[in-house]
Amino acid sequence: MNLRLTLSLALPLLAVASVAIPRPVDRPSSARTVALTFDDVPLGQGQPGTRCNGEKLLEVSRSITGALREFHAPVAAFITTGNICDQIRNPVLGEVIRTWQRSGAAIGNHGHRHLDPNTVPRPTYIADLALADSLIRDALGAAPRGSLRYFRHPFLHVGADSATARGIERWLDQHQYTVAPVTVDNNEWIYARAYTLALARRDSAMLVRLVPAYLEHIDQAFAFAESMSVRVVGEEIPQILLLHANELNRDHLREVLKVIEGRGYHFVSLAQALGHPAYRRPTQYLGPWGISWILRWSRDSMVWRMDLPKTPEWVEQ
């Protein structure tokens, strides 16, 4: 579907949804801080054919970074280089990265094909990371080597066994990467998939219903992370939010940022968040789940909880 036609159909319908922002409750007197991170840049879970649609890929980046600038929100953008098809990658990847950098974004590596280290051989997985590293560095051009500093594990899987995890760690250390943890994990990707399907079907009723549910889910995800950080660390820490570059956030990131501000947060860089001592805590968990660092720490501290915010069945369907 033509992007402008899609937006012209969807956005007027969503005007009602845009005001349905959850009301903040139980806010602390002191300011909270959060670092925003986006995976799958330039676009994950797009409609068929979007990997080769350079204008749409750039439009997603421009829309998201435009909202971030309005809120003066630092960000880290994790590039999945295979989300751009081979035929257009050379010009488009560079412009995508420059779009994020113009908003002051830190650039990170999120793999080339978003492989799962739990299901592919370790050499295959590391080769995929190396390819993404090479493509991103080529697109960065003359930028200092430190411009590519962060790595985000696809699926938040660090490896199902110690040999795999240690092998990946060694490669990351050799290439001077800092792992970007996540504390505010959520099911945004499910809402985003439902949103993309509704756009494709021109399902206006579903579009209007989805957005408030998504905003409520983000609010609940923050409440859970706040509670768990006190339970596990003893205090609220600078949170790190995982979002994705997708059509849902292209159209509704401003509402998401209002929800976050409503909880008493101001936005900080990933580097600032990682300065808190909690992020120097080691994690022991190896296994099949892609869980947040809050939950990893909770397992290590024997205060394990899994009462995460639920996604309504109608969204999953």
Foldseek 3Di string as FASTA:
>chain_A
DDPVVLCVLAVVLQPVLLVLFDFADDADPAFAEAAEEAEAPLADLADPPVLAVLVVSQLLLLLLLVLCVVQVFEYAYEYQQLSHPPVPSQVRVLSSVVSNVVSVYQYEHAFHHLDAQAPDPLVVRVVRSVVSVVSNDVSVPPDDLCSHAEYEYRLLACAQDDVSNVVVVVSCVVSRHDYQFAQLDFVVVLLQNLCNVCSVVSVSVSSNVSSSLSSVRSLQSVVVSQVLCCVQVVHGAHGYHYDYSYPSCSNRVNSNVVSVVSSRYGHDHSVVRCPDCVVVDDFDDHRDHNDGVSQRSCVVVVNHDDPRDDDDPVSND
